Amino acid sequence: MDITTALFYVFSLVLLGASFRVITASSTVHSALFLILAFFNASCIWMLLKAEFLAITLVLVYIGAVMVLFLFVVMMLDFESTQVRESVWKHLPLAGLVGALIALEMAVILIGGFKVADAPVADAAAQQMGNTKLLGIAIYSDYLFPLQIAAVLLLVAIIAAIALTLRGRKDSRHQDASQQVKVKKADRLRIVKVAPTIEQPAAPVEKNEGAA
């Protein structure tokens, strides 16, 4: 066993463990942190496969942007984790059935891609261009329509995350710029007439004439 194979097994074990903790952690923030760990180990496996562009894209896009945004959304939502766990156990049979069906469909479609004999062989021109340029050509020529669908789904996810954070909360304090612009002087300043108070002078103290 060479060093590359040993590193692959190490990264794969950490990736599987982190993925399992994503769905079993009681805290949503902990689940997001374990998902970051899973993404990082997946990028390391991409590096072992000499796909440097995919590895750095996974780190910059998913870990550096998407997961940080997800953490901010989770912290700002501030929902009760007890209710979420109860709803998860309530819908667990249906979710398990849907997950098994999805896994079976993916296995039927992807099982042919694991045949080593049918693997494509890169020619000399493709090796000179590099995997980054070849990936760009494949995405923007053969997979342009799925790429546009993925972009629309990401846009909808961003809008949904922003809409969730804009819900009204009773304990939040914020300023409404439109109300500040529309304010009038009578709303901010009130002149009250107060009767003046005049202090009465103190009565003079009479001296006792019989005093010594």
C-alpha atoms as a PDB file:
ATOM      1  CA  MET A   1       0.000   0.000   0.000  1.00  0.00           C
ATOM      2  CA  ASP A   2       1.501   3.317  -1.090  1.00  0.00           C
ATOM      3  CA  ILE A   3       1.077   6.696   0.595  1.00  0.00           C
ATOM      4  CA  THR A   4      -1.660   7.814  -1.844  1.00  0.00           C
ATOM      5  CA  THR A   5      -3.845   4.802  -1.052  1.00  0.00           C
ATOM      6  CA  ALA A   6      -3.316   5.275   2.688  1.00  0.00           C
ATOM      7  CA  LEU A   7      -4.303   8.946   2.475  1.00  0.00           C
ATOM      8  CA  PHE A   8      -7.371   8.024   0.435  1.00  0.00           C
ATOM      9  CA  TYR A   9      -8.572   5.631   3.140  1.00  0.00           C
ATOM     10  CA  VAL A  10      -7.896   8.189   5.886  1.00  0.00           C
ATOM     11  CA  PHE A  11      -9.761  10.987   4.091  1.00  0.00           C
ATOM     12  CA  SER A  12     -12.605   8.615   3.211  1.00  0.00           C
ATOM     13  CA  LEU A  13     -13.042   7.466   6.818  1.00  0.00           C
ATOM     14  CA  VAL A  14     -13.097  11.047   8.090  1.00  0.00           C
ATOM     15  CA  LEU A  15     -15.531  11.983   5.311  1.00  0.00           C
ATOM     16  CA  LEU A  16     -17.904   9.145   6.222  1.00  0.00           C
ATOM     17  CA  GLY A  17     -17.699   9.951   9.932  1.00  0.00           C
ATOM     18  CA  ALA A  18     -18.357  13.657   9.359  1.00  0.00           C
ATOM     19  CA  SER A  19     -21.259  12.880   7.020  1.00  0.00           C
ATOM     20  CA  PHE A  20     -22.807  10.608   9.654  1.00  0.00           C
ATOM     21  CA  ARG A  21     -22.483  13.326  12.301  1.00  0.00           C
ATOM     22  CA  VAL A  22     -24.174  15.835   9.981  1.00  0.00           C
ATOM     23  CA  ILE A  23     -27.453  13.924  10.229  1.00  0.00           C
ATOM     24  CA  THR A  24     -27.101  12.754  13.847  1.00  0.00           C
ATOM     25  CA  ALA A  25     -25.822  15.867  15.664  1.00  0.00           C
ATOM     26  CA  SER A  26     -28.366  17.442  18.008  1.00  0.00           C
ATOM     27  CA  SER A  27     -27.220  20.992  17.313  1.00  0.00           C
ATOM     28  CA  THR A  28     -27.769  22.536  13.892  1.00  0.00           C
ATOM     29  CA  VAL A  29     -24.568  24.567  14.180  1.00  0.00           C
ATOM     30  CA  HIS A  30     -22.600  21.385  14.936  1.00  0.00           C
ATOM     31  CA  SER A  31     -24.148  19.743  11.866  1.00  0.00           C
ATOM     32  CA  ALA A  32     -22.999  22.658   9.711  1.00  0.00           C
ATOM     33  CA  LEU A  33     -19.461  22.421  11.132  1.00  0.00           C
ATOM     34  CA  PHE A  34     -19.331  18.674  10.448  1.00  0.00           C
ATOM     35  CA  LEU A  35     -20.528  19.389   6.899  1.00  0.00           C
ATOM     36  CA  ILE A  36     -17.606  21.789   6.467  1.00  0.00           C
ATOM     37  CA  LEU A  37     -15.273  19.011   7.618  1.00  0.00           C
ATOM     38  CA  ALA A  38     -16.872  16.625   5.115  1.00  0.00           C
ATOM     39  CA  PHE A  39     -16.405  19.123   2.275  1.00  0.00           C
ATOM     40  CA  PHE A  40     -12.755  19.628   3.205  1.00  0.00           C
ATOM     41  CA  ASN A  41     -12.008  15.899   3.147  1.00  0.00           C
ATOM     42  CA  ALA A  42     -13.835  15.578  -0.182  1.00  0.00           C
ATOM     43  CA  SER A  43     -11.577  18.292  -1.591  1.00  0.00           C
ATOM     44  CA  CYS A  44      -8.540  16.370  -0.334  1.00  0.00           C
ATOM     45  CA  ILE A  45      -9.753  13.294  -2.220  1.00  0.00           C
ATOM     46  CA  TRP A  46     -10.115  15.465  -5.341  1.00  0.00           C
ATOM     47  CA  MET A  47      -6.496  16.527  -4.863  1.00  0.00           C
ATOM     48  CA  LEU A  48      -5.418  12.871  -4.736  1.00  0.00           C
ATOM     49  CA  LEU A  49      -7.242  12.343  -8.047  1.00  0.00           C
ATOM     50  CA  LYS A  50      -5.236  15.261  -9.535  1.00  0.00           C
ATOM     51  CA  ALA A  51      -8.366  17.390  -9.971  1.00  0.00           C
ATOM     52  CA  GLU A  52      -6.943  20.532  -8.399  1.00  0.00           C
ATOM     53  CA  PHE A  53      -9.539  22.872  -9.873  1.00  0.00           C
ATOM     54  CA  LEU A  54     -12.462  20.918  -8.420  1.00  0.00           C
ATOM     55  CA  ALA A  55     -10.712  20.714  -5.047  1.00  0.00           C
ATOM     56  CA  ILE A  56     -10.076  24.460  -4.755  1.00  0.00           C
ATOM     57  CA  THR A  57     -13.598  25.185  -6.059  1.00  0.00           C
ATOM     58  CA  LEU A  58     -15.074  22.965  -3.351  1.00  0.00           C
ATOM     59  CA  VAL A  59     -13.073  24.807  -0.693  1.00  0.00           C
ATOM     60  CA  LEU A  60     -13.724  28.342  -1.937  1.00  0.00           C
ATOM     61  CA  VAL A  61     -17.376  28.026  -2.985  1.00  0.00           C
ATOM     62  CA  TYR A  62     -18.902  25.533  -0.584  1.00  0.00           C
ATOM     63  CA  ILE A  63     -16.750  26.022   2.517  1.00  0.00           C
ATOM     64  CA  GLY A  64     -15.836  29.663   2.089  1.00  0.00           C
ATOM     65  CA  ALA A  65     -19.205  30.997   0.922  1.00  0.00           C
ATOM     66  CA  VAL A  66     -22.153  28.613   1.070  1.00  0.00           C
ATOM     67  CA  MET A  67     -21.454  27.069   4.475  1.00  0.00           C
ATOM     68  CA  VAL A  68     -20.609  30.421   6.072  1.00  0.00           C
ATOM     69  CA  LEU A  69     -23.929  31.778   4.755  1.00  0.00           C
ATOM     70  CA  PHE A  70     -25.680  28.680   6.061  1.00  0.00           C
ATOM     71  CA  LEU A  71     -24.166  29.170   9.513  1.00  0.00           C
ATOM     72  CA  PHE A  72     -25.328  32.794   9.621  1.00  0.00           C
ATOM     73  CA  VAL A  73     -28.857  31.778   8.580  1.00  0.00           C
ATOM     74  CA  VAL A  74     -29.002  29.011  11.195  1.00  0.00           C
ATOM     75  CA  MET A  75     -27.831  31.361  13.947  1.00  0.00           C
ATOM     76  CA  MET A  76     -30.290  34.098  12.957  1.00  0.00           C
ATOM     77  CA  LEU A  77     -33.295  31.775  12.705  1.00  0.00           C
ATOM     78  CA  ASP A  78     -32.995  30.723  16.362  1.00  0.00           C
ATOM     79  CA  PHE A  79     -35.603  27.956  16.205  1.00  0.00           C
ATOM     80  CA  GLU A  80     -36.337  25.300  18.780  1.00  0.00           C
ATOM     81  CA  SER A  81     -34.292  22.152  18.134  1.00  0.00           C
ATOM     82  CA  THR A  82     -36.707  20.013  20.168  1.00  0.00           C
ATOM     83  CA  GLN A  83     -39.548  20.660  17.747  1.00  0.00           C
ATOM     84  CA  VAL A  84     -37.294  19.917  14.796  1.00  0.00           C
ATOM     85  CA  ARG A  85     -36.230  16.555  16.248  1.00  0.00           C
ATOM     86  CA  GLU A  86     -39.839  15.612  16.949  1.00  0.00           C
ATOM     87  CA  SER A  87     -40.836  16.424  13.365  1.00  0.00           C
ATOM     88  CA  VAL A  88     -37.874  14.424  12.027  1.00  0.00           C
ATOM     89  CA  TRP A  89     -38.887  11.291  13.955  1.00  0.00           C
ATOM     90  CA  LYS A  90     -42.482  11.817  12.833  1.00  0.00           C
ATOM     91  CA  HIS A  91     -41.585  11.831   9.125  1.00  0.00           C
ATOM     92  CA  LEU A  92     -38.699   9.333   9.365  1.00  0.00           C
ATOM     93  CA  PRO A  93     -40.458   6.359   7.640  1.00  0.00           C
ATOM     94  CA  LEU A  94     -41.459   8.439   4.620  1.00  0.00           C
ATOM     95  CA  ALA A  95     -38.020  10.079   4.459  1.00  0.00           C
ATOM     96  CA  GLY A  96     -36.338   6.659   4.604  1.00  0.00           C
ATOM     97  CA  LEU A  97     -38.506   5.367   1.776  1.00  0.00           C
ATOM     98  CA  VAL A  98     -37.756   8.406  -0.397  1.00  0.00           C
ATOM     99  CA  GLY A  99     -34.019   8.175   0.384  1.00  0.00           C
ATOM    100  CA  ALA A 100     -33.899   4.468  -0.495  1.00  0.00           C
ATOM    101  CA  LEU A 101     -35.726   5.140  -3.763  1.00  0.00           C
ATOM    102  CA  ILE A 102     -33.291   7.929  -4.675  1.00  0.00           C
ATOM    103  CA  ALA A 103     -30.271   5.740  -3.822  1.00  0.00           C
ATOM    104  CA  LEU A 104     -31.668   2.905  -5.959  1.00  0.00           C
ATOM    105  CA  GLU A 105     -32.237   5.205  -8.937  1.00  0.00           C
ATOM    106  CA  MET A 106     -28.726   6.671  -8.632  1.00  0.00           C
ATOM    107  CA  ALA A 107     -27.241   3.164  -8.411  1.00  0.00           C
ATOM    108  CA  VAL A 108     -29.046   2.074 -11.583  1.00  0.00           C
ATOM    109  CA  ILE A 109     -27.831   5.141 -13.487  1.00  0.00           C
ATOM    110  CA  LEU A 110     -24.271   5.323 -12.157  1.00  0.00           C
ATOM    111  CA  ILE A 111     -23.392   1.631 -12.006  1.00  0.00           C
ATOM    112  CA  GLY A 112     -22.137   1.729 -15.572  1.00  0.00           C
ATOM    113  CA  GLY A 113     -19.639   4.483 -14.793  1.00  0.00           C
ATOM    114  CA  PHE A 114     -17.585   2.266 -12.484  1.00  0.00           C
ATOM    115  CA  LYS A 115     -16.486  -0.091 -15.241  1.00  0.00           C
ATOM    116  CA  VAL A 116     -12.772   0.374 -15.771  1.00  0.00           C
ATOM    117  CA  ALA A 117     -12.850  -1.133 -19.267  1.00  0.00           C
ATOM    118  CA  ASP A 118     -15.270   1.545 -20.492  1.00  0.00           C
ATOM    119  CA  ALA A 119     -13.336   4.454 -18.994  1.00  0.00           C
ATOM    120  CA  PRO A 120     -12.411   7.160 -21.533  1.00  0.00           C
ATOM    121  CA  VAL A 121      -8.758   7.535 -22.421  1.00  0.00           C
ATOM    122  CA  ALA A 122      -7.420  11.063 -22.772  1.00  0.00           C
ATOM    123  CA  ASP A 123      -5.372  11.754 -25.883  1.00  0.00           C
ATOM    124  CA  ALA A 124      -2.219  13.871 -26.065  1.00  0.00           C
ATOM    125  CA  ALA A 125      -4.092  17.077 -26.944  1.00  0.00           C
ATOM    126  CA  ALA A 126      -6.429  16.674 -23.972  1.00  0.00           C
ATOM    127  CA  GLN A 127      -3.524  16.112 -21.613  1.00  0.00           C
ATOM    128  CA  GLN A 128      -1.854  19.321 -22.793  1.00  0.00           C
ATOM    129  CA  MET A 129      -5.026  21.402 -22.212  1.00  0.00           C
ATOM    130  CA  GLY A 130      -5.384  20.315 -18.603  1.00  0.00           C
ATOM    131  CA  ASN A 131      -8.385  19.202 -16.598  1.00  0.00           C
ATOM    132  CA  THR A 132      -9.610  22.760 -15.895  1.00  0.00           C
ATOM    133  CA  LYS A 133     -10.028  23.655 -19.566  1.00  0.00           C
ATOM    134  CA  LEU A 134     -11.510  20.260 -20.377  1.00  0.00           C
ATOM    135  CA  LEU A 135     -14.001  20.669 -17.535  1.00  0.00           C
ATOM    136  CA  GLY A 136     -15.022  24.101 -18.824  1.00  0.00           C
ATOM    137  CA  ILE A 137     -15.511  22.793 -22.350  1.00  0.00           C
ATOM    138  CA  ALA A 138     -17.644  19.894 -21.097  1.00  0.00           C
ATOM    139  CA  ILE A 139     -19.781  22.072 -18.811  1.00  0.00           C
ATOM    140  CA  TYR A 140     -20.478  24.880 -21.288  1.00  0.00           C
ATOM    141  CA  SER A 141     -21.056  22.589 -24.280  1.00  0.00           C
ATOM    142  CA  ASP A 142     -22.531  19.237 -23.225  1.00  0.00           C
ATOM    143  CA  TYR A 143     -23.990  20.215 -19.832  1.00  0.00           C
ATOM    144  CA  LEU A 144     -25.071  23.825 -20.377  1.00  0.00           C
ATOM    145  CA  PHE A 145     -28.768  23.198 -19.675  1.00  0.00           C
ATOM    146  CA  PRO A 146     -28.171  21.330 -16.353  1.00  0.00           C
ATOM    147  CA  LEU A 147     -25.769  24.121 -15.365  1.00  0.00           C
ATOM    148  CA  GLN A 148     -28.480  26.741 -15.916  1.00  0.00           C
ATOM    149  CA  ILE A 149     -30.955  24.685 -13.878  1.00  0.00           C
ATOM    150  CA  ALA A 150     -28.440  24.453 -11.027  1.00  0.00           C
ATOM    151  CA  ALA A 151     -27.892  28.222 -11.178  1.00  0.00           C
ATOM    152  CA  VAL A 152     -31.655  28.859 -10.939  1.00  0.00           C
ATOM    153  CA  LEU A 153     -31.941  26.478  -7.972  1.00  0.00           C
ATOM    154  CA  LEU A 154     -29.099  28.263  -6.180  1.00  0.00           C
ATOM    155  CA  LEU A 155     -30.783  31.619  -6.841  1.00  0.00           C
ATOM    156  CA  VAL A 156     -34.058  30.334  -5.367  1.00  0.00           C
ATOM    157  CA  ALA A 157     -32.165  29.004  -2.325  1.00  0.00           C
ATOM    158  CA  ILE A 158     -30.512  32.386  -1.758  1.00  0.00           C
ATOM    159  CA  ILE A 159     -33.849  34.216  -1.994  1.00  0.00           C
ATOM    160  CA  ALA A 160     -35.453  31.714   0.397  1.00  0.00           C
ATOM    161  CA  ALA A 161     -32.622  32.139   2.922  1.00  0.00           C
ATOM    162  CA  ILE A 162     -32.964  35.924   2.813  1.00  0.00           C
ATOM    163  CA  ALA A 163     -36.756  35.667   3.183  1.00  0.00           C
ATOM    164  CA  LEU A 164     -36.387  33.463   6.256  1.00  0.00           C
ATOM    165  CA  THR A 165     -34.103  35.948   7.957  1.00  0.00           C
ATOM    166  CA  LEU A 166     -36.485  38.860   7.282  1.00  0.00           C
ATOM    167  CA  ARG A 167     -39.354  37.448   9.324  1.00  0.00           C
ATOM    168  CA  GLY A 168     -40.700  39.691  12.051  1.00  0.00           C
ATOM    169  CA  ARG A 169     -39.374  39.151  15.545  1.00  0.00           C
ATOM    170  CA  LYS A 170     -40.646  40.783  18.717  1.00  0.00           C
ATOM    171  CA  ASP A 171     -37.281  40.920  20.450  1.00  0.00           C
ATOM    172  CA  SER A 172     -35.370  42.499  17.556  1.00  0.00           C
ATOM    173  CA  ARG A 173     -34.530  46.197  17.513  1.00  0.00           C
ATOM    174  CA  HIS A 174     -34.134  47.932  14.186  1.00  0.00           C
ATOM    175  CA  GLN A 175     -34.656  51.271  12.526  1.00  0.00           C
ATOM    176  CA  ASP A 176     -37.139  51.885   9.721  1.00  0.00           C
ATOM    177  CA  ALA A 177     -35.587  54.362   7.290  1.00  0.00           C
ATOM    178  CA  SER A 178     -38.913  55.114   5.572  1.00  0.00           C
ATOM    179  CA  GLN A 179     -40.527  56.092   8.866  1.00  0.00           C
ATOM    180  CA  GLN A 180     -37.557  58.310   9.706  1.00  0.00           C
ATOM    181  CA  VAL A 181     -37.868  60.142   6.386  1.00  0.00           C
ATOM    182  CA  LYS A 182     -41.635  60.697   6.741  1.00  0.00           C
ATOM    183  CA  VAL A 183     -41.419  62.031  10.278  1.00  0.00           C
ATOM    184  CA  LYS A 184     -42.654  65.588  10.937  1.00  0.00           C
ATOM    185  CA  LYS A 185     -41.623  68.175  13.461  1.00  0.00           C
ATOM    186  CA  ALA A 186     -44.884  67.813  15.369  1.00  0.00           C
ATOM    187  CA  ASP A 187     -44.174  64.087  15.817  1.00  0.00           C
ATOM    188  CA  ARG A 188     -40.773  64.674  17.371  1.00  0.00           C
ATOM    189  CA  LEU A 189     -41.165  68.041  19.165  1.00  0.00           C
ATOM    190  CA  ARG A 190     -43.983  69.072  21.451  1.00  0.00           C
ATOM    191  CA  ILE A 191     -44.091  72.520  23.069  1.00  0.00           C
ATOM    192  CA  VAL A 192     -45.710  72.490  26.465  1.00  0.00           C
ATOM    193  CA  LYS A 193     -46.605  75.675  28.341  1.00  0.00           C
ATOM    194  CA  VAL A 194     -45.641  75.375  31.947  1.00  0.00           C
ATOM    195  CA  ALA A 195     -46.686  77.957  34.506  1.00  0.00           C
ATOM    196  CA  PRO A 196     -43.674  79.669  36.015  1.00  0.00           C
ATOM    197  CA  THR A 197     -42.864  78.872  39.560  1.00  0.00           C
ATOM    198  CA  ILE A 198     -41.798  81.877  41.653  1.00  0.00           C
ATOM    199  CA  GLU A 199     -40.177  81.127  44.922  1.00  0.00           C
ATOM    200  CA  GLN A 200     -41.519  83.214  47.816  1.00  0.00           C
ATOM    201  CA  PRO A 201     -38.881  85.091  49.773  1.00  0.00           C
ATOM    202  CA  ALA A 202     -38.212  83.752  53.222  1.00  0.00           C
ATOM    203  CA  ALA A 203     -39.800  85.628  56.092  1.00  0.00           C
ATOM    204  CA  PRO A 204     -37.320  87.742  58.108  1.00  0.00           C
ATOM    205  CA  VAL A 205     -36.450  86.366  61.477  1.00  0.00           C
ATOM    206  CA  GLU A 206     -37.606  88.701  64.262  1.00  0.00           C
ATOM    207  CA  LYS A 207     -35.005  89.406  66.906  1.00  0.00           C
ATOM    208  CA  ASN A 208     -35.988  88.939  70.498  1.00  0.00           C
ATOM    209  CA  GLU A 209     -35.639  92.339  72.182  1.00  0.00           C
ATOM    210  CA  GLY A 210     -35.419  90.819  75.618  1.00  0.00           C
ATOM    211  CA  ALA A 211     -32.542  88.680  74.728  1.00  0.00           C
ATOM    212  CA  ALA A 212     -29.293  89.536  76.414  1.00  0.00           C
END
